[in-house]
Amino acid sequence: MFDEKNEKGEQMINNGVIELTLDECADELELLKFEHGICTLRITENFDRIGLRTYVVNNLQMEFEDDIVYCSDTYNILHKNYCVLMSFLREGVISIKKIIENENSYGEILFKDGNIRITTLK
């Protein structure tokens, strides 16, 4: 269950794990760029059907249209490689977590048949 709130008032569960909504996840991506100057991200997709795949993208953006989530990046890496992160249904997301470990953090989007990890590269 929820242990405490962090300095931003976000609910933390199990020491260093913050549950996010898709909208909050999109906001976090924007904050990385505009407040912290971090534009390069490592995307690791691990799904039953396609296995483990990793990409490096610049300026990841998340947008919503009805119940569909669309993601894009500056050089269209997601689209060129047919990444799961390119588009998916909101209802397919089980949970989104921001995980903080030793001053580093990463995001994890959990689906029924796999997950996507988003890690910052400095």
PDB file of N, CA and C in Angstrom:
ATOM      1  N   MET A   1       0.826  -1.182   0.000  1.00  0.00           N
ATOM      2  CA  MET A   1       0.000   0.000   0.000  1.00  0.00           C
ATOM      3  C   MET A   1       0.875   1.253   0.000  1.00  0.00           C
ATOM      4  N   PHE A   2       0.265   2.401   0.127  1.00  0.00           N
ATOM      5  CA  PHE A   2       1.008   3.646   0.078  1.00  0.00           C
ATOM      6  C   PHE A   2       1.760   3.860   1.379  1.00  0.00           C
ATOM      7  N   ASP A   3       3.046   4.130   1.264  1.00  0.00           N
ATOM      8  CA  ASP A   3       3.865   4.378   2.440  1.00  0.00           C
ATOM      9  C   ASP A   3       3.844   5.850   2.837  1.00  0.00           C
ATOM     10  N   GLU A   4       4.042   6.731   1.850  1.00  0.00           N
ATOM     11  CA  GLU A   4       4.194   8.155   2.132  1.00  0.00           C
ATOM     12  C   GLU A   4       4.081   8.926   0.831  1.00  0.00           C
ATOM     13  N   LYS A   5       4.169  10.244   0.929  1.00  0.00           N
ATOM     14  CA  LYS A   5       4.219  11.090  -0.264  1.00  0.00           C
ATOM     15  C   LYS A   5       5.632  11.630  -0.396  1.00  0.00           C
ATOM     16  N   ASN A   6       6.092  11.787  -1.640  1.00  0.00           N
ATOM     17  CA  ASN A   6       7.407  12.383  -1.847  1.00  0.00           C
ATOM     18  C   ASN A   6       7.303  13.899  -1.775  1.00  0.00           C
ATOM     19  N   GLU A   7       8.407  14.594  -2.089  1.00  0.00           N
ATOM     20  CA  GLU A   7       8.430  16.052  -1.969  1.00  0.00           C
ATOM     21  C   GLU A   7       7.477  16.745  -2.935  1.00  0.00           C
ATOM     22  N   LYS A   8       7.069  16.070  -4.016  1.00  0.00           N
ATOM     23  CA  LYS A   8       6.130  16.652  -4.975  1.00  0.00           C
ATOM     24  C   LYS A   8       4.685  16.294  -4.639  1.00  0.00           C
ATOM     25  N   GLY A   9       4.479  15.544  -3.553  1.00  0.00           N
ATOM     26  CA  GLY A   9       3.136  15.159  -3.166  1.00  0.00           C
ATOM     27  C   GLY A   9       2.633  13.907  -3.876  1.00  0.00           C
ATOM     28  N   GLU A  10       3.514  13.200  -4.611  1.00  0.00           N
ATOM     29  CA  GLU A  10       3.104  11.994  -5.308  1.00  0.00           C
ATOM     30  C   GLU A  10       3.063  10.829  -4.321  1.00  0.00           C
ATOM     31  N   GLN A  11       2.097   9.945  -4.517  1.00  0.00           N
ATOM     32  CA  GLN A  11       1.981   8.786  -3.644  1.00  0.00           C
ATOM     33  C   GLN A  11       3.128   7.813  -3.920  1.00  0.00           C
ATOM     34  N   MET A  12       3.836   7.429  -2.873  1.00  0.00           N
ATOM     35  CA  MET A  12       4.918   6.457  -3.016  1.00  0.00           C
ATOM     36  C   MET A  12       4.472   5.141  -2.396  1.00  0.00           C
ATOM     37  N   ILE A  13       4.784   4.041  -3.076  1.00  0.00           N
ATOM     38  CA  ILE A  13       4.490   2.729  -2.534  1.00  0.00           C
ATOM     39  C   ILE A  13       5.783   1.939  -2.484  1.00  0.00           C
ATOM     40  N   ASN A  14       5.937   1.151  -1.468  1.00  0.00           N
ATOM     41  CA  ASN A  14       7.085   0.240  -1.347  1.00  0.00           C
ATOM     42  C   ASN A  14       8.432   0.906  -1.605  1.00  0.00           C
ATOM     43  N   ASN A  15       8.723   1.996  -0.907  1.00  0.00           N
ATOM     44  CA  ASN A  15      10.039   2.625  -0.939  1.00  0.00           C
ATOM     45  C   ASN A  15      10.565   2.935  -2.335  1.00  0.00           C
ATOM     46  N   GLY A  16      10.264   4.089  -2.830  1.00  0.00           N
ATOM     47  CA  GLY A  16      10.837   4.547  -4.087  1.00  0.00           C
ATOM     48  C   GLY A  16      10.054   4.209  -5.329  1.00  0.00           C
ATOM     49  N   VAL A  17       8.828   3.739  -5.202  1.00  0.00           N
ATOM     50  CA  VAL A  17       7.995   3.432  -6.356  1.00  0.00           C
ATOM     51  C   VAL A  17       6.784   4.364  -6.326  1.00  0.00           C
ATOM     52  N   ILE A  18       6.571   5.088  -7.424  1.00  0.00           N
ATOM     53  CA  ILE A  18       5.457   6.032  -7.518  1.00  0.00           C
ATOM     54  C   ILE A  18       4.521   5.565  -8.626  1.00  0.00           C
ATOM     55  N   GLU A  19       3.260   5.363  -8.294  1.00  0.00           N
ATOM     56  CA  GLU A  19       2.249   5.004  -9.292  1.00  0.00           C
ATOM     57  C   GLU A  19       1.866   6.260 -10.063  1.00  0.00           C
ATOM     58  N   LEU A  20       1.813   6.156 -11.401  1.00  0.00           N
ATOM     59  CA  LEU A  20       1.436   7.277 -12.259  1.00  0.00           C
ATOM     60  C   LEU A  20       0.262   6.902 -13.147  1.00  0.00           C
ATOM     61  N   THR A  21      -0.467   7.911 -13.594  1.00  0.00           N
ATOM     62  CA  THR A  21      -1.461   7.721 -14.649  1.00  0.00           C
ATOM     63  C   THR A  21      -0.755   7.971 -15.984  1.00  0.00           C
ATOM     64  N   LEU A  22      -1.418   7.675 -17.089  1.00  0.00           N
ATOM     65  CA  LEU A  22      -0.832   7.974 -18.396  1.00  0.00           C
ATOM     66  C   LEU A  22      -0.610   9.468 -18.570  1.00  0.00           C
ATOM     67  N   ASP A  23      -1.544  10.269 -18.104  1.00  0.00           N
ATOM     68  CA  ASP A  23      -1.386  11.729 -18.208  1.00  0.00           C
ATOM     69  C   ASP A  23      -0.173  12.200 -17.406  1.00  0.00           C
ATOM     70  N   GLU A  24       0.014  11.657 -16.221  1.00  0.00           N
ATOM     71  CA  GLU A  24       1.177  12.019 -15.404  1.00  0.00           C
ATOM     72  C   GLU A  24       2.473  11.546 -16.050  1.00  0.00           C
ATOM     73  N   CYS A  25       2.419  10.400 -16.709  1.00  0.00           N
ATOM     74  CA  CYS A  25       3.594   9.885 -17.423  1.00  0.00           C
ATOM     75  C   CYS A  25       3.986  10.838 -18.546  1.00  0.00           C
ATOM     76  N   ALA A  26       3.001  11.306 -19.305  1.00  0.00           N
ATOM     77  CA  ALA A  26       3.269  12.276 -20.376  1.00  0.00           C
ATOM     78  C   ALA A  26       3.868  13.558 -19.809  1.00  0.00           C
ATOM     79  N   ASP A  27       3.343  14.011 -18.669  1.00  0.00           N
ATOM     80  CA  ASP A  27       3.875  15.205 -18.008  1.00  0.00           C
ATOM     81  C   ASP A  27       5.324  14.992 -17.561  1.00  0.00           C
ATOM     82  N   GLU A  28       5.630  13.811 -17.038  1.00  0.00           N
ATOM     83  CA  GLU A  28       6.997  13.500 -16.600  1.00  0.00           C
ATOM     84  C   GLU A  28       7.974  13.570 -17.775  1.00  0.00           C
ATOM     85  N   LEU A  29       7.551  13.081 -18.944  1.00  0.00           N
ATOM     86  CA  LEU A  29       8.410  13.151 -20.131  1.00  0.00           C
ATOM     87  C   LEU A  29       8.704  14.600 -20.505  1.00  0.00           C
ATOM     88  N   GLU A  30       7.695  15.462 -20.417  1.00  0.00           N
ATOM     89  CA  GLU A  30       7.895  16.881 -20.715  1.00  0.00           C
ATOM     90  C   GLU A  30       8.818  17.533 -19.679  1.00  0.00           C
ATOM     91  N   LEU A  31       8.658  17.184 -18.422  1.00  0.00           N
ATOM     92  CA  LEU A  31       9.514  17.737 -17.368  1.00  0.00           C
ATOM     93  C   LEU A  31      10.976  17.349 -17.569  1.00  0.00           C
ATOM     94  N   LEU A  32      11.207  16.106 -18.007  1.00  0.00           N
ATOM     95  CA  LEU A  32      12.580  15.680 -18.271  1.00  0.00           C
ATOM     96  C   LEU A  32      13.256  16.607 -19.264  1.00  0.00           C
ATOM     97  N   LYS A  33      12.531  16.956 -20.326  1.00  0.00           N
ATOM     98  CA  LYS A  33      13.091  17.828 -21.371  1.00  0.00           C
ATOM     99  C   LYS A  33      13.256  19.258 -20.895  1.00  0.00           C
ATOM    100  N   PHE A  34      12.176  19.825 -20.397  1.00  0.00           N
ATOM    101  CA  PHE A  34      12.161  21.265 -20.152  1.00  0.00           C
ATOM    102  C   PHE A  34      12.756  21.695 -18.819  1.00  0.00           C
ATOM    103  N   GLU A  35      12.678  20.851 -17.800  1.00  0.00           N
ATOM    104  CA  GLU A  35      13.243  21.231 -16.502  1.00  0.00           C
ATOM    105  C   GLU A  35      14.634  20.658 -16.268  1.00  0.00           C
ATOM    106  N   HIS A  36      14.886  19.479 -16.847  1.00  0.00           N
ATOM    107  CA  HIS A  36      16.160  18.812 -16.578  1.00  0.00           C
ATOM    108  C   HIS A  36      17.066  18.704 -17.797  1.00  0.00           C
ATOM    109  N   GLY A  37      16.588  19.103 -18.968  1.00  0.00           N
ATOM    110  CA  GLY A  37      17.394  19.072 -20.180  1.00  0.00           C
ATOM    111  C   GLY A  37      17.731  17.677 -20.666  1.00  0.00           C
ATOM    112  N   ILE A  38      16.948  16.685 -20.256  1.00  0.00           N
ATOM    113  CA  ILE A  38      17.204  15.298 -20.669  1.00  0.00           C
ATOM    114  C   ILE A  38      16.292  14.976 -21.847  1.00  0.00           C
ATOM    115  N   CYS A  39      16.901  14.748 -23.000  1.00  0.00           N
ATOM    116  CA  CYS A  39      16.135  14.488 -24.223  1.00  0.00           C
ATOM    117  C   CYS A  39      16.336  13.073 -24.747  1.00  0.00           C
ATOM    118  N   THR A  40      17.420  12.418 -24.356  1.00  0.00           N
ATOM    119  CA  THR A  40      17.749  11.095 -24.872  1.00  0.00           C
ATOM    120  C   THR A  40      17.320  10.027 -23.867  1.00  0.00           C
ATOM    121  N   LEU A  41      16.523   9.071 -24.363  1.00  0.00           N
ATOM    122  CA  LEU A  41      15.979   8.024 -23.510  1.00  0.00           C
ATOM    123  C   LEU A  41      16.228   6.651 -24.122  1.00  0.00           C
ATOM    124  N   ARG A  42      16.429   5.669 -23.263  1.00  0.00           N
ATOM    125  CA  ARG A  42      16.533   4.275 -23.707  1.00  0.00           C
ATOM    126  C   ARG A  42      15.163   3.636 -23.464  1.00  0.00           C
ATOM    127  N   ILE A  43      14.605   3.048 -24.504  1.00  0.00           N
ATOM    128  CA  ILE A  43      13.328   2.354 -24.424  1.00  0.00           C
ATOM    129  C   ILE A  43      13.609   0.860 -24.529  1.00  0.00           C
ATOM    130  N   THR A  44      13.182   0.100 -23.536  1.00  0.00           N
ATOM    131  CA  THR A  44      13.349  -1.350 -23.565  1.00  0.00           C
ATOM    132  C   THR A  44      11.970  -1.984 -23.510  1.00  0.00           C
ATOM    133  N   GLU A  45      11.619  -2.699 -24.575  1.00  0.00           N
ATOM    134  CA  GLU A  45      10.337  -3.382 -24.642  1.00  0.00           C
ATOM    135  C   GLU A  45      10.574  -4.876 -24.451  1.00  0.00           C
ATOM    136  N   ASN A  46       9.782  -5.484 -23.603  1.00  0.00           N
ATOM    137  CA  ASN A  46       9.906  -6.918 -23.346  1.00  0.00           C
ATOM    138  C   ASN A  46       8.504  -7.520 -23.365  1.00  0.00           C
ATOM    139  N   PHE A  47       8.157  -8.165 -24.484  1.00  0.00           N
ATOM    140  CA  PHE A  47       6.829  -8.734 -24.674  1.00  0.00           C
ATOM    141  C   PHE A  47       6.922 -10.190 -25.090  1.00  0.00           C
ATOM    142  N   ASP A  48       5.916 -10.962 -24.708  1.00  0.00           N
ATOM    143  CA  ASP A  48       5.892 -12.391 -25.007  1.00  0.00           C
ATOM    144  C   ASP A  48       6.070 -12.668 -26.500  1.00  0.00           C
ATOM    145  N   ARG A  49       5.335 -11.947 -27.345  1.00  0.00           N
ATOM    146  CA  ARG A  49       5.359 -12.221 -28.793  1.00  0.00           C
ATOM    147  C   ARG A  49       6.620 -11.747 -29.498  1.00  0.00           C
ATOM    148  N   ILE A  50       7.206 -10.630 -29.058  1.00  0.00           N
ATOM    149  CA  ILE A  50       8.322 -10.046 -29.807  1.00  0.00           C
ATOM    150  C   ILE A  50       9.663 -10.127 -29.084  1.00  0.00           C
ATOM    151  N   GLY A  51       9.651 -10.534 -27.834  1.00  0.00           N
ATOM    152  CA  GLY A  51      10.890 -10.659 -27.087  1.00  0.00           C
ATOM    153  C   GLY A  51      11.395  -9.322 -26.575  1.00  0.00           C
ATOM    154  N   LEU A  52      12.682  -9.258 -26.325  1.00  0.00           N
ATOM    155  CA  LEU A  52      13.337  -8.073 -25.755  1.00  0.00           C
ATOM    156  C   LEU A  52      13.928  -7.224 -26.884  1.00  0.00           C
ATOM    157  N   ARG A  53      13.550  -5.934 -26.914  1.00  0.00           N
ATOM    158  CA  ARG A  53      14.091  -4.993 -27.910  1.00  0.00           C
ATOM    159  C   ARG A  53      14.405  -3.682 -27.199  1.00  0.00           C
ATOM    160  N   THR A  54      15.519  -3.056 -27.601  1.00  0.00           N
ATOM    161  CA  THR A  54      15.938  -1.803 -26.990  1.00  0.00           C
ATOM    162  C   THR A  54      16.212  -0.769 -28.071  1.00  0.00           C
ATOM    163  N   TYR A  55      15.782   0.474 -27.810  1.00  0.00           N
ATOM    164  CA  TYR A  55      15.962   1.590 -28.731  1.00  0.00           C
ATOM    165  C   TYR A  55      16.429   2.802 -27.953  1.00  0.00           C
ATOM    166  N   VAL A  56      17.144   3.688 -28.613  1.00  0.00           N
ATOM    167  CA  VAL A  56      17.495   4.985 -28.035  1.00  0.00           C
ATOM    168  C   VAL A  56      16.764   6.037 -28.863  1.00  0.00           C
ATOM    169  N   VAL A  57      15.985   6.877 -28.178  1.00  0.00           N
ATOM    170  CA  VAL A  57      15.181   7.889 -28.863  1.00  0.00           C
ATOM    171  C   VAL A  57      15.474   9.272 -28.289  1.00  0.00           C
ATOM    172  N   ASN A  58      15.166  10.290 -29.078  1.00  0.00           N
ATOM    173  CA  ASN A  58      15.306  11.685 -28.647  1.00  0.00           C
ATOM    174  C   ASN A  58      13.937  12.351 -28.631  1.00  0.00           C
ATOM    175  N   ASN A  59      13.699  13.152 -27.592  1.00  0.00           N
ATOM    176  CA  ASN A  59      12.473  13.945 -27.464  1.00  0.00           C
ATOM    177  C   ASN A  59      11.206  13.105 -27.568  1.00  0.00           C
ATOM    178  N   LEU A  60      11.090  12.112 -26.729  1.00  0.00           N
ATOM    179  CA  LEU A  60       9.899  11.268 -26.692  1.00  0.00           C
ATOM    180  C   LEU A  60       8.693  12.093 -26.263  1.00  0.00           C
ATOM    181  N   GLN A  61       7.614  11.978 -27.038  1.00  0.00           N
ATOM    182  CA  GLN A  61       6.367  12.673 -26.727  1.00  0.00           C
ATOM    183  C   GLN A  61       5.239  11.662 -26.662  1.00  0.00           C
ATOM    184  N   MET A  62       4.288  11.922 -25.762  1.00  0.00           N
ATOM    185  CA  MET A  62       3.119  11.063 -25.612  1.00  0.00           C
ATOM    186  C   MET A  62       1.874  11.924 -25.807  1.00  0.00           C
ATOM    187  N   GLU A  63       1.002  11.485 -26.715  1.00  0.00           N
ATOM    188  CA  GLU A  63      -0.240  12.210 -26.992  1.00  0.00           C
ATOM    189  C   GLU A  63      -1.405  11.229 -26.936  1.00  0.00           C
ATOM    190  N   PHE A  64      -2.597  11.786 -26.748  1.00  0.00           N
ATOM    191  CA  PHE A  64      -3.780  10.956 -26.593  1.00  0.00           C
ATOM    192  C   PHE A  64      -4.854  11.360 -27.584  1.00  0.00           C
ATOM    193  N   GLU A  65      -5.515  10.357 -28.145  1.00  0.00           N
ATOM    194  CA  GLU A  65      -6.676  10.593 -28.996  1.00  0.00           C
ATOM    195  C   GLU A  65      -7.694   9.512 -28.659  1.00  0.00           C
ATOM    196  N   ASP A  66      -8.792   9.934 -28.045  1.00  0.00           N
ATOM    197  CA  ASP A  66      -9.796   9.000 -27.537  1.00  0.00           C
ATOM    198  C   ASP A  66      -9.114   8.022 -26.582  1.00  0.00           C
ATOM    199  N   ASP A  67      -9.206   6.726 -26.860  1.00  0.00           N
ATOM    200  CA  ASP A  67      -8.609   5.721 -25.965  1.00  0.00           C
ATOM    201  C   ASP A  67      -7.279   5.202 -26.473  1.00  0.00           C
ATOM    202  N   ILE A  68      -6.678   5.906 -27.424  1.00  0.00           N
ATOM    203  CA  ILE A  68      -5.406   5.465 -27.999  1.00  0.00           C
ATOM    204  C   ILE A  68      -4.292   6.413 -27.561  1.00  0.00           C
ATOM    205  N   VAL A  69      -3.163   5.822 -27.188  1.00  0.00           N
ATOM    206  CA  VAL A  69      -1.976   6.583 -26.810  1.00  0.00           C
ATOM    207  C   VAL A  69      -0.986   6.496 -27.962  1.00  0.00           C
ATOM    208  N   TYR A  70      -0.511   7.646 -28.422  1.00  0.00           N
ATOM    209  CA  TYR A  70       0.468   7.711 -29.505  1.00  0.00           C
ATOM    210  C   TYR A  70       1.755   8.309 -28.957  1.00  0.00           C
ATOM    211  N   CYS A  71       2.875   7.675 -29.283  1.00  0.00           N
ATOM    212  CA  CYS A  71       4.181   8.213 -28.898  1.00  0.00           C
ATOM    213  C   CYS A  71       5.005   8.451 -30.155  1.00  0.00           C
ATOM    214  N   SER A  72       5.840   9.477 -30.087  1.00  0.00           N
ATOM    215  CA  SER A  72       6.709   9.798 -31.220  1.00  0.00           C
ATOM    216  C   SER A  72       8.039  10.320 -30.694  1.00  0.00           C
ATOM    217  N   ASP A  73       9.008  10.339 -31.590  1.00  0.00           N
ATOM    218  CA  ASP A  73      10.325  10.871 -31.243  1.00  0.00           C
ATOM    219  C   ASP A  73      10.877  11.629 -32.445  1.00  0.00           C
ATOM    220  N   THR A  74      11.920  12.393 -32.218  1.00  0.00           N
ATOM    221  CA  THR A  74      12.471  13.279 -33.240  1.00  0.00           C
ATOM    222  C   THR A  74      12.834  12.567 -34.537  1.00  0.00           C
ATOM    223  N   TYR A  75      13.478  11.414 -34.460  1.00  0.00           N
ATOM    224  CA  TYR A  75      13.973  10.734 -35.658  1.00  0.00           C
ATOM    225  C   TYR A  75      13.104   9.547 -36.068  1.00  0.00           C
ATOM    226  N   ASN A  76      11.886   9.464 -35.539  1.00  0.00           N
ATOM    227  CA  ASN A  76      10.929   8.402 -35.882  1.00  0.00           C
ATOM    228  C   ASN A  76      11.449   6.984 -35.657  1.00  0.00           C
ATOM    229  N   ILE A  77      12.286   6.822 -34.660  1.00  0.00           N
ATOM    230  CA  ILE A  77      12.827   5.497 -34.329  1.00  0.00           C
ATOM    231  C   ILE A  77      11.694   4.542 -33.951  1.00  0.00           C
ATOM    232  N   LEU A  78      10.731   5.033 -33.174  1.00  0.00           N
ATOM    233  CA  LEU A  78       9.610   4.178 -32.756  1.00  0.00           C
ATOM    234  C   LEU A  78       8.832   3.655 -33.952  1.00  0.00           C
ATOM    235  N   HIS A  79       8.562   4.525 -34.915  1.00  0.00           N
ATOM    236  CA  HIS A  79       7.797   4.121 -36.095  1.00  0.00           C
ATOM    237  C   HIS A  79       8.613   3.234 -37.032  1.00  0.00           C
ATOM    238  N   LYS A  80       9.870   3.551 -37.230  1.00  0.00           N
ATOM    239  CA  LYS A  80      10.715   2.756 -38.135  1.00  0.00           C
ATOM    240  C   LYS A  80      10.883   1.325 -37.640  1.00  0.00           C
ATOM    241  N   ASN A  81      10.836   1.133 -36.317  1.00  0.00           N
ATOM    242  CA  ASN A  81      11.041  -0.196 -35.734  1.00  0.00           C
ATOM    243  C   ASN A  81       9.745  -0.846 -35.243  1.00  0.00           C
ATOM    244  N   TYR A  82       8.627  -0.245 -35.577  1.00  0.00           N
ATOM    245  CA  TYR A  82       7.313  -0.774 -35.174  1.00  0.00           C
ATOM    246  C   TYR A  82       7.261  -1.118 -33.683  1.00  0.00           C
ATOM    247  N   CYS A  83       7.671  -0.162 -32.868  1.00  0.00           N
ATOM    248  CA  CYS A  83       7.699  -0.355 -31.420  1.00  0.00           C
ATOM    249  C   CYS A  83       6.282  -0.387 -30.855  1.00  0.00           C
ATOM    250  N   VAL A  84       6.107  -1.147 -29.807  1.00  0.00           N
ATOM    251  CA  VAL A  84       4.826  -1.179 -29.107  1.00  0.00           C
ATOM    252  C   VAL A  84       4.486   0.220 -28.595  1.00  0.00           C
ATOM    253  N   LEU A  85       5.491   0.961 -28.156  1.00  0.00           N
ATOM    254  CA  LEU A  85       5.288   2.295 -27.604  1.00  0.00           C
ATOM    255  C   LEU A  85       4.741   3.279 -28.651  1.00  0.00           C
ATOM    256  N   MET A  86       4.857   2.943 -29.921  1.00  0.00           N
ATOM    257  CA  MET A  86       4.365   3.804 -30.993  1.00  0.00           C
ATOM    258  C   MET A  86       2.872   4.104 -30.822  1.00  0.00           C
ATOM    259  N   SER A  87       2.061   3.104 -30.514  1.00  0.00           N
ATOM    260  CA  SER A  87       0.640   3.316 -30.230  1.00  0.00           C
ATOM    261  C   SER A  87       0.087   2.099 -29.488  1.00  0.00           C
ATOM    262  N   PHE A  88      -0.778   2.388 -28.515  1.00  0.00           N
ATOM    263  CA  PHE A  88      -1.401   1.320 -27.743  1.00  0.00           C
ATOM    264  C   PHE A  88      -2.688   1.851 -27.119  1.00  0.00           C
ATOM    265  N   LEU A  89      -3.541   0.940 -26.708  1.00  0.00           N
ATOM    266  CA  LEU A  89      -4.804   1.307 -26.084  1.00  0.00           C
ATOM    267  C   LEU A  89      -4.601   1.627 -24.607  1.00  0.00           C
ATOM    268  N   ARG A  90      -5.269   2.661 -24.127  1.00  0.00           N
ATOM    269  CA  ARG A  90      -5.218   3.009 -22.703  1.00  0.00           C
ATOM    270  C   ARG A  90      -5.605   1.812 -21.845  1.00  0.00           C
ATOM    271  N   GLU A  91      -6.654   1.098 -22.263  1.00  0.00           N
ATOM    272  CA  GLU A  91      -7.161  -0.014 -21.462  1.00  0.00           C
ATOM    273  C   GLU A  91      -6.187  -1.181 -21.374  1.00  0.00           C
ATOM    274  N   GLY A  92      -5.187  -1.214 -22.250  1.00  0.00           N
ATOM    275  CA  GLY A  92      -4.190  -2.273 -22.209  1.00  0.00           C
ATOM    276  C   GLY A  92      -3.142  -2.093 -21.120  1.00  0.00           C
ATOM    277  N   VAL A  93      -3.086  -0.905 -20.534  1.00  0.00           N
ATOM    278  CA  VAL A  93      -2.086  -0.606 -19.505  1.00  0.00           C
ATOM    279  C   VAL A  93      -2.583  -1.099 -18.146  1.00  0.00           C
ATOM    280  N   ILE A  94      -1.790  -1.930 -17.512  1.00  0.00           N
ATOM    281  CA  ILE A  94      -2.127  -2.423 -16.171  1.00  0.00           C
ATOM    282  C   ILE A  94      -1.672  -1.424 -15.120  1.00  0.00           C
ATOM    283  N   SER A  95      -0.432  -0.950 -15.255  1.00  0.00           N
ATOM    284  CA  SER A  95       0.084   0.042 -14.307  1.00  0.00           C
ATOM    285  C   SER A  95       1.263   0.790 -14.913  1.00  0.00           C
ATOM    286  N   ILE A  96       1.526   1.965 -14.344  1.00  0.00           N
ATOM    287  CA  ILE A  96       2.693   2.759 -14.721  1.00  0.00           C
ATOM    288  C   ILE A  96       3.385   3.145 -13.431  1.00  0.00           C
ATOM    289  N   LYS A  97       4.678   2.899 -13.387  1.00  0.00           N
ATOM    290  CA  LYS A  97       5.430   3.191 -12.173  1.00  0.00           C
ATOM    291  C   LYS A  97       6.670   3.999 -12.499  1.00  0.00           C
ATOM    292  N   LYS A  98       6.962   4.940 -11.630  1.00  0.00           N
ATOM    293  CA  LYS A  98       8.238   5.643 -11.646  1.00  0.00           C
ATOM    294  C   LYS A  98       9.032   5.041 -10.491  1.00  0.00           C
ATOM    295  N   ILE A  99      10.171   4.458 -10.808  1.00  0.00           N
ATOM    296  CA  ILE A  99      10.957   3.740  -9.809  1.00  0.00           C
ATOM    297  C   ILE A  99      12.246   4.509  -9.561  1.00  0.00           C
ATOM    298  N   ILE A 100      12.498   4.817  -8.305  1.00  0.00           N
ATOM    299  CA  ILE A 100      13.667   5.601  -7.923  1.00  0.00           C
ATOM    300  C   ILE A 100      14.617   4.698  -7.146  1.00  0.00           C
ATOM    301  N   GLU A 101      15.846   4.567  -7.676  1.00  0.00           N
ATOM    302  CA  GLU A 101      16.882   3.740  -7.057  1.00  0.00           C
ATOM    303  C   GLU A 101      18.189   4.514  -7.038  1.00  0.00           C
ATOM    304  N   ASN A 102      18.735   4.748  -5.875  1.00  0.00           N
ATOM    305  CA  ASN A 102      20.052   5.385  -5.745  1.00  0.00           C
ATOM    306  C   ASN A 102      20.207   6.635  -6.600  1.00  0.00           C
ATOM    307  N   GLU A 103      19.344   7.601  -6.451  1.00  0.00           N
ATOM    308  CA  GLU A 103      19.404   8.882  -7.171  1.00  0.00           C
ATOM    309  C   GLU A 103      19.062   8.770  -8.658  1.00  0.00           C
ATOM    310  N   ASN A 104      18.788   7.586  -9.158  1.00  0.00           N
ATOM    311  CA  ASN A 104      18.381   7.394 -10.547  1.00  0.00           C
ATOM    312  C   ASN A 104      16.930   6.962 -10.573  1.00  0.00           C
ATOM    313  N   SER A 105      16.248   7.272 -11.669  1.00  0.00           N
ATOM    314  CA  SER A 105      14.866   6.821 -11.774  1.00  0.00           C
ATOM    315  C   SER A 105      14.592   6.341 -13.194  1.00  0.00           C
ATOM    316  N   TYR A 106      13.588   5.485 -13.319  1.00  0.00           N
ATOM    317  CA  TYR A 106      13.141   5.037 -14.623  1.00  0.00           C
ATOM    318  C   TYR A 106      11.640   4.793 -14.548  1.00  0.00           C
ATOM    319  N   GLY A 107      11.016   4.771 -15.706  1.00  0.00           N
ATOM    320  CA  GLY A 107       9.594   4.514 -15.773  1.00  0.00           C
ATOM    321  C   GLY A 107       9.335   3.135 -16.318  1.00  0.00           C
ATOM    322  N   GLU A 108       8.248   2.537 -15.847  1.00  0.00           N
ATOM    323  CA  GLU A 108       7.886   1.210 -16.337  1.00  0.00           C
ATOM    324  C   GLU A 108       6.383   1.162 -16.587  1.00  0.00           C
ATOM    325  N   ILE A 109       6.015   0.797 -17.814  1.00  0.00           N
ATOM    326  CA  ILE A 109       4.617   0.643 -18.193  1.00  0.00           C
ATOM    327  C   ILE A 109       4.365  -0.852 -18.309  1.00  0.00           C
ATOM    328  N   LEU A 110       3.434  -1.354 -17.507  1.00  0.00           N
ATOM    329  CA  LEU A 110       3.146  -2.787 -17.471  1.00  0.00           C
ATOM    330  C   LEU A 110       1.864  -3.086 -18.245  1.00  0.00           C
ATOM    331  N   PHE A 111       1.975  -4.050 -19.161  1.00  0.00           N
ATOM    332  CA  PHE A 111       0.841  -4.539 -19.942  1.00  0.00           C
ATOM    333  C   PHE A 111       0.605  -6.002 -19.554  1.00  0.00           C
ATOM    334  N   LYS A 112      -0.491  -6.571 -20.033  1.00  0.00           N
ATOM    335  CA  LYS A 112      -0.815  -7.962 -19.723  1.00  0.00           C
ATOM    336  C   LYS A 112       0.278  -8.925 -20.207  1.00  0.00           C
ATOM    337  N   ASP A 113       0.848  -8.648 -21.368  1.00  0.00           N
ATOM    338  CA  ASP A 113       1.796  -9.579 -21.975  1.00  0.00           C
ATOM    339  C   ASP A 113       3.235  -9.067 -22.031  1.00  0.00           C
ATOM    340  N   GLY A 114       3.539  -8.009 -21.271  1.00  0.00           N
ATOM    341  CA  GLY A 114       4.913  -7.505 -21.272  1.00  0.00           C
ATOM    342  C   GLY A 114       5.028  -6.160 -20.613  1.00  0.00           C
ATOM    343  N   ASN A 115       6.188  -5.515 -20.806  1.00  0.00           N
ATOM    344  CA  ASN A 115       6.405  -4.191 -20.217  1.00  0.00           C
ATOM    345  C   ASN A 115       7.338  -3.352 -21.068  1.00  0.00           C
ATOM    346  N   ILE A 116       7.291  -2.059 -20.790  1.00  0.00           N
ATOM    347  CA  ILE A 116       8.178  -1.099 -21.434  1.00  0.00           C
ATOM    348  C   ILE A 116       8.880  -0.319 -20.337  1.00  0.00           C
ATOM    349  N   ARG A 117      10.200  -0.274 -20.408  1.00  0.00           N
ATOM    350  CA  ARG A 117      10.996   0.498 -19.450  1.00  0.00           C
ATOM    351  C   ARG A 117      11.582   1.700 -20.174  1.00  0.00           C
ATOM    352  N   ILE A 118      11.454   2.876 -19.552  1.00  0.00           N
ATOM    353  CA  ILE A 118      11.996   4.114 -20.112  1.00  0.00           C
ATOM    354  C   ILE A 118      13.060   4.629 -19.156  1.00  0.00           C
ATOM    355  N   THR A 119      14.302   4.673 -19.640  1.00  0.00           N
ATOM    356  CA  THR A 119      15.444   5.060 -18.806  1.00  0.00           C
ATOM    357  C   THR A 119      16.117   6.276 -19.397  1.00  0.00           C
ATOM    358  N   THR A 120      16.509   7.210 -18.541  1.00  0.00           N
ATOM    359  CA  THR A 120      17.205   8.412 -19.020  1.00  0.00           C
ATOM    360  C   THR A 120      18.658   8.091 -19.333  1.00  0.00           C
ATOM    361  N   LEU A 121      19.168   8.749 -20.370  1.00  0.00           N
ATOM    362  CA  LEU A 121      20.590   8.679 -20.721  1.00  0.00           C
ATOM    363  C   LEU A 121      21.130  10.085 -20.617  1.00  0.00           C
ATOM    364  N   LYS A 122      22.200  10.279 -19.900  1.00  0.00           N
ATOM    365  CA  LYS A 122      22.738  11.632 -19.701  1.00  0.00           C
ATOM    366  C   LYS A 122      23.878  11.909 -20.622  1.00  0.00           C
TER     367      LYS A 122
END
